[in-house]
């Protein structure tokens, strides 16, 4: 399930002491990083550009 969420192999499943049901719960309650990044892009307030500052 990790690969479907764009996480590296073993991100959750290689955690010592975490059984399969707990792994599935953690992955099921997790946030897909790509989806979270897009949400931040869409929800951040628009700031006016500073004409004296270099572009980052």
PDB file of N, CA and C in Angstrom:
ATOM      1  N   UNK A   1       0.819  -1.185   0.000  1.00  0.00           N
ATOM      2  CA  UNK A   1       0.000   0.000   0.000  1.00  0.00           C
ATOM      3  C   UNK A   1       0.869   1.257   0.000  1.00  0.00           C
ATOM      4  N   UNK A   2       2.081   1.172   0.506  1.00  0.00           N
ATOM      5  CA  UNK A   2       2.968   2.342   0.554  1.00  0.00           C
ATOM      6  C   UNK A   2       3.237   2.897  -0.842  1.00  0.00           C
ATOM      7  N   UNK A   3       3.522   2.014  -1.786  1.00  0.00           N
ATOM      8  CA  UNK A   3       3.857   2.472  -3.143  1.00  0.00           C
ATOM      9  C   UNK A   3       2.679   3.188  -3.790  1.00  0.00           C
ATOM     10  N   UNK A   4       1.438   2.795  -3.448  1.00  0.00           N
ATOM     11  CA  UNK A   4       0.273   3.468  -4.019  1.00  0.00           C
ATOM     12  C   UNK A   4       0.132   4.897  -3.496  1.00  0.00           C
ATOM     13  N   UNK A   5       0.714   5.162  -2.329  1.00  0.00           N
ATOM     14  CA  UNK A   5       0.645   6.493  -1.741  1.00  0.00           C
ATOM     15  C   UNK A   5       1.901   7.314  -2.036  1.00  0.00           C
ATOM     16  N   UNK A   6       2.815   6.754  -2.810  1.00  0.00           N
ATOM     17  CA  UNK A   6       4.029   7.476  -3.178  1.00  0.00           C
ATOM     18  C   UNK A   6       5.062   7.506  -2.062  1.00  0.00           C
ATOM     19  N   UNK A   7       4.947   6.580  -1.110  1.00  0.00           N
ATOM     20  CA  UNK A   7       5.895   6.512   0.012  1.00  0.00           C
ATOM     21  C   UNK A   7       6.990   5.503  -0.310  1.00  0.00           C
ATOM     22  N   UNK A   8       8.176   5.689   0.255  1.00  0.00           N
ATOM     23  CA  UNK A   8       9.238   4.714   0.029  1.00  0.00           C
ATOM     24  C   UNK A   8       8.880   3.359   0.647  1.00  0.00           C
ATOM     25  N   UNK A   9       9.396   2.308   0.062  1.00  0.00           N
ATOM     26  CA  UNK A   9       9.169   0.953   0.578  1.00  0.00           C
ATOM     27  C   UNK A   9       9.658   0.859   2.019  1.00  0.00           C
ATOM     28  N   UNK A  10       8.816   0.337   2.887  1.00  0.00           N
ATOM     29  CA  UNK A  10       9.182   0.173   4.287  1.00  0.00           C
ATOM     30  C   UNK A  10       8.871   1.372   5.168  1.00  0.00           C
ATOM     31  N   UNK A  11       8.312   2.427   4.603  1.00  0.00           N
ATOM     32  CA  UNK A  11       8.006   3.644   5.367  1.00  0.00           C
ATOM     33  C   UNK A  11       7.188   3.313   6.606  1.00  0.00           C
ATOM     34  N   UNK A  12       6.209   2.431   6.455  1.00  0.00           N
ATOM     35  CA  UNK A  12       5.388   1.993   7.582  1.00  0.00           C
ATOM     36  C   UNK A  12       5.618   0.515   7.871  1.00  0.00           C
ATOM     37  N   UNK A  13       5.725  -0.289   6.813  1.00  0.00           N
ATOM     38  CA  UNK A  13       5.784  -1.739   6.999  1.00  0.00           C
ATOM     39  C   UNK A  13       7.079  -2.223   7.626  1.00  0.00           C
ATOM     40  N   UNK A  14       8.121  -1.425   7.649  1.00  0.00           N
ATOM     41  CA  UNK A  14       9.380  -1.828   8.272  1.00  0.00           C
ATOM     42  C   UNK A  14       9.516  -1.301   9.697  1.00  0.00           C
ATOM     43  N   UNK A  15       8.431  -0.770  10.256  1.00  0.00           N
ATOM     44  CA  UNK A  15       8.474  -0.250  11.620  1.00  0.00           C
ATOM     45  C   UNK A  15       8.455  -1.420  12.599  1.00  0.00           C
ATOM     46  N   UNK A  16       9.483  -1.554  13.428  1.00  0.00           N
ATOM     47  CA  UNK A  16       9.523  -2.674  14.370  1.00  0.00           C
ATOM     48  C   UNK A  16       8.353  -2.621  15.349  1.00  0.00           C
ATOM     49  N   UNK A  17       7.758  -3.791  15.600  1.00  0.00           N
ATOM     50  CA  UNK A  17       6.687  -3.904  16.587  1.00  0.00           C
ATOM     51  C   UNK A  17       5.321  -3.474  16.085  1.00  0.00           C
ATOM     52  N   UNK A  18       5.215  -3.087  14.825  1.00  0.00           N
ATOM     53  CA  UNK A  18       3.932  -2.655  14.276  1.00  0.00           C
ATOM     54  C   UNK A  18       3.355  -3.805  13.457  1.00  0.00           C
ATOM     55  N   UNK A  19       2.278  -4.400  13.954  1.00  0.00           N
ATOM     56  CA  UNK A  19       1.654  -5.535  13.270  1.00  0.00           C
ATOM     57  C   UNK A  19       0.897  -5.099  12.022  1.00  0.00           C
ATOM     58  N   UNK A  20       0.485  -6.078  11.242  1.00  0.00           N
ATOM     59  CA  UNK A  20      -0.201  -5.800   9.977  1.00  0.00           C
ATOM     60  C   UNK A  20      -1.461  -4.947  10.166  1.00  0.00           C
ATOM     61  N   UNK A  21      -2.340  -5.253  11.148  1.00  0.00           N
ATOM     62  CA  UNK A  21      -3.520  -4.403  11.316  1.00  0.00           C
ATOM     63  C   UNK A  21      -3.160  -2.944  11.636  1.00  0.00           C
ATOM     64  N   UNK A  22      -2.150  -2.727  12.459  1.00  0.00           N
ATOM     65  CA  UNK A  22      -1.726  -1.371  12.805  1.00  0.00           C
ATOM     66  C   UNK A  22      -1.095  -0.680  11.596  1.00  0.00           C
ATOM     67  N   UNK A  23      -0.365  -1.439  10.770  1.00  0.00           N
ATOM     68  CA  UNK A  23       0.220  -0.867   9.556  1.00  0.00           C
ATOM     69  C   UNK A  23      -0.874  -0.381   8.612  1.00  0.00           C
ATOM     70  N   UNK A  24      -1.893  -1.210   8.410  1.00  0.00           N
ATOM     71  CA  UNK A  24      -2.988  -0.838   7.526  1.00  0.00           C
ATOM     72  C   UNK A  24      -3.762   0.358   8.073  1.00  0.00           C
ATOM     73  N   UNK A  25      -3.918   0.410   9.386  1.00  0.00           N
ATOM     74  CA  UNK A  25      -4.589   1.558  10.003  1.00  0.00           C
ATOM     75  C   UNK A  25      -3.782   2.828   9.774  1.00  0.00           C
ATOM     76  N   UNK A  26      -2.480   2.750  10.011  1.00  0.00           N
ATOM     77  CA  UNK A  26      -1.620   3.925   9.832  1.00  0.00           C
ATOM     78  C   UNK A  26      -1.643   4.405   8.379  1.00  0.00           C
ATOM     79  N   UNK A  27      -1.542   3.475   7.450  1.00  0.00           N
ATOM     80  CA  UNK A  27      -1.551   3.844   6.031  1.00  0.00           C
ATOM     81  C   UNK A  27      -2.924   4.348   5.604  1.00  0.00           C
ATOM     82  N   UNK A  28      -3.972   3.760   6.137  1.00  0.00           N
ATOM     83  CA  UNK A  28      -5.322   4.190   5.794  1.00  0.00           C
ATOM     84  C   UNK A  28      -5.648   5.569   6.327  1.00  0.00           C
ATOM     85  N   UNK A  29      -5.058   5.938   7.459  1.00  0.00           N
ATOM     86  CA  UNK A  29      -5.296   7.250   8.057  1.00  0.00           C
ATOM     87  C   UNK A  29      -4.283   8.283   7.586  1.00  0.00           C
ATOM     88  N   UNK A  30      -3.330   7.865   6.777  1.00  0.00           N
ATOM     89  CA  UNK A  30      -2.274   8.771   6.338  1.00  0.00           C
ATOM     90  C   UNK A  30      -2.730   9.698   5.226  1.00  0.00           C
ATOM     91  N   UNK A  31      -1.900  10.665   4.949  1.00  0.00           N
ATOM     92  CA  UNK A  31      -2.140  11.626   3.878  1.00  0.00           C
ATOM     93  C   UNK A  31      -1.157  11.339   2.756  1.00  0.00           C
ATOM     94  N   UNK A  32      -1.658  11.295   1.545  1.00  0.00           N
ATOM     95  CA  UNK A  32      -0.799  11.079   0.381  1.00  0.00           C
ATOM     96  C   UNK A  32       0.011  12.361   0.177  1.00  0.00           C
ATOM     97  N   UNK A  33       1.354  12.288   0.230  1.00  0.00           N
ATOM     98  CA  UNK A  33       2.177  13.499   0.151  1.00  0.00           C
ATOM     99  C   UNK A  33       1.885  14.379  -1.071  1.00  0.00           C
ATOM    100  N   UNK A  34       1.680  13.767  -2.237  1.00  0.00           N
ATOM    101  CA  UNK A  34       1.425  14.552  -3.439  1.00  0.00           C
ATOM    102  C   UNK A  34       0.099  15.319  -3.319  1.00  0.00           C
ATOM    103  N   UNK A  35      -0.892  14.689  -2.711  1.00  0.00           N
ATOM    104  CA  UNK A  35      -2.193  15.333  -2.545  1.00  0.00           C
ATOM    105  C   UNK A  35      -2.089  16.482  -1.540  1.00  0.00           C
ATOM    106  N   UNK A  36      -1.335  16.280  -0.479  1.00  0.00           N
ATOM    107  CA  UNK A  36      -1.151  17.337   0.525  1.00  0.00           C
ATOM    108  C   UNK A  36      -0.411  18.529  -0.075  1.00  0.00           C
ATOM    109  N   UNK A  37       0.603  18.266  -0.881  1.00  0.00           N
ATOM    110  CA  UNK A  37       1.350  19.361  -1.506  1.00  0.00           C
ATOM    111  C   UNK A  37       0.453  20.173  -2.427  1.00  0.00           C
ATOM    112  N   UNK A  38      -0.395  19.509  -3.179  1.00  0.00           N
ATOM    113  CA  UNK A  38      -1.310  20.222  -4.074  1.00  0.00           C
ATOM    114  C   UNK A  38      -2.318  21.045  -3.284  1.00  0.00           C
ATOM    115  N   UNK A  39      -2.812  20.498  -2.177  1.00  0.00           N
ATOM    116  CA  UNK A  39      -3.759  21.235  -1.338  1.00  0.00           C
ATOM    117  C   UNK A  39      -3.120  22.509  -0.793  1.00  0.00           C
ATOM    118  N   UNK A  40      -1.871  22.429  -0.370  1.00  0.00           N
ATOM    119  CA  UNK A  40      -1.170  23.609   0.142  1.00  0.00           C
ATOM    120  C   UNK A  40      -1.036  24.647  -0.965  1.00  0.00           C
ATOM    121  N   UNK A  41      -0.707  24.207  -2.166  1.00  0.00           N
ATOM    122  CA  UNK A  41      -0.598  25.139  -3.296  1.00  0.00           C
ATOM    123  C   UNK A  41      -1.918  25.854  -3.552  1.00  0.00           C
ATOM    124  N   UNK A  42      -3.010  25.120  -3.491  1.00  0.00           N
ATOM    125  CA  UNK A  42      -4.319  25.701  -3.792  1.00  0.00           C
ATOM    126  C   UNK A  42      -4.845  26.587  -2.672  1.00  0.00           C
ATOM    127  N   UNK A  43      -4.486  26.277  -1.433  1.00  0.00           N
ATOM    128  CA  UNK A  43      -5.080  26.968  -0.287  1.00  0.00           C
ATOM    129  C   UNK A  43      -4.251  28.116   0.262  1.00  0.00           C
ATOM    130  N   UNK A  44      -2.980  28.223  -0.132  1.00  0.00           N
ATOM    131  CA  UNK A  44      -2.171  29.303   0.425  1.00  0.00           C
ATOM    132  C   UNK A  44      -2.692  30.651  -0.079  1.00  0.00           C
ATOM    133  N   UNK A  45      -2.654  31.652   0.792  1.00  0.00           N
ATOM    134  CA  UNK A  45      -3.166  32.954   0.370  1.00  0.00           C
ATOM    135  C   UNK A  45      -2.226  33.591  -0.655  1.00  0.00           C
ATOM    136  N   UNK A  46      -2.776  34.321  -1.591  1.00  0.00           N
ATOM    137  CA  UNK A  46      -1.922  34.989  -2.575  1.00  0.00           C
ATOM    138  C   UNK A  46      -1.255  36.219  -1.952  1.00  0.00           C
ATOM    139  N   UNK A  47       0.036  36.262  -1.998  1.00  0.00           N
ATOM    140  CA  UNK A  47       0.781  37.400  -1.476  1.00  0.00           C
ATOM    141  C   UNK A  47       1.223  38.272  -2.648  1.00  0.00           C
ATOM    142  N   UNK A  48       1.141  39.584  -2.493  1.00  0.00           N
ATOM    143  CA  UNK A  48       1.619  40.435  -3.576  1.00  0.00           C
ATOM    144  C   UNK A  48       3.132  40.257  -3.753  1.00  0.00           C
ATOM    145  N   UNK A  49       3.568  40.343  -4.974  1.00  0.00           N
ATOM    146  CA  UNK A  49       4.994  40.199  -5.243  1.00  0.00           C
ATOM    147  C   UNK A  49       5.735  41.457  -4.825  1.00  0.00           C
ATOM    148  N   UNK A  50       6.896  41.249  -4.230  1.00  0.00           N
ATOM    149  CA  UNK A  50       7.767  42.345  -3.856  1.00  0.00           C
ATOM    150  C   UNK A  50       8.661  42.636  -5.071  1.00  0.00           C
ATOM    151  N   UNK A  51       8.620  43.841  -5.562  1.00  0.00           N
ATOM    152  CA  UNK A  51       9.383  44.179  -6.753  1.00  0.00           C
ATOM    153  C   UNK A  51      10.870  44.430  -6.450  1.00  0.00           C
ATOM    154  N   UNK A  52      11.210  44.515  -5.166  1.00  0.00           N
ATOM    155  CA  UNK A  52      12.602  44.745  -4.758  1.00  0.00           C
ATOM    156  C   UNK A  52      13.303  43.460  -4.358  1.00  0.00           C
ATOM    157  N   UNK A  53      12.550  42.381  -4.197  1.00  0.00           N
ATOM    158  CA  UNK A  53      13.112  41.114  -3.731  1.00  0.00           C
ATOM    159  C   UNK A  53      13.431  40.212  -4.918  1.00  0.00           C
ATOM    160  N   UNK A  54      14.530  39.457  -4.814  1.00  0.00           N
ATOM    161  CA  UNK A  54      14.822  38.512  -5.893  1.00  0.00           C
ATOM    162  C   UNK A  54      13.801  37.371  -5.879  1.00  0.00           C
ATOM    163  N   UNK A  55      13.527  36.801  -7.032  1.00  0.00           N
ATOM    164  CA  UNK A  55      12.598  35.674  -7.097  1.00  0.00           C
ATOM    165  C   UNK A  55      13.274  34.437  -6.535  1.00  0.00           C
ATOM    166  N   UNK A  56      12.495  33.660  -5.800  1.00  0.00           N
ATOM    167  CA  UNK A  56      13.019  32.410  -5.231  1.00  0.00           C
ATOM    168  C   UNK A  56      12.536  31.221  -6.002  1.00  0.00           C
TER     169      UNK A  56
END
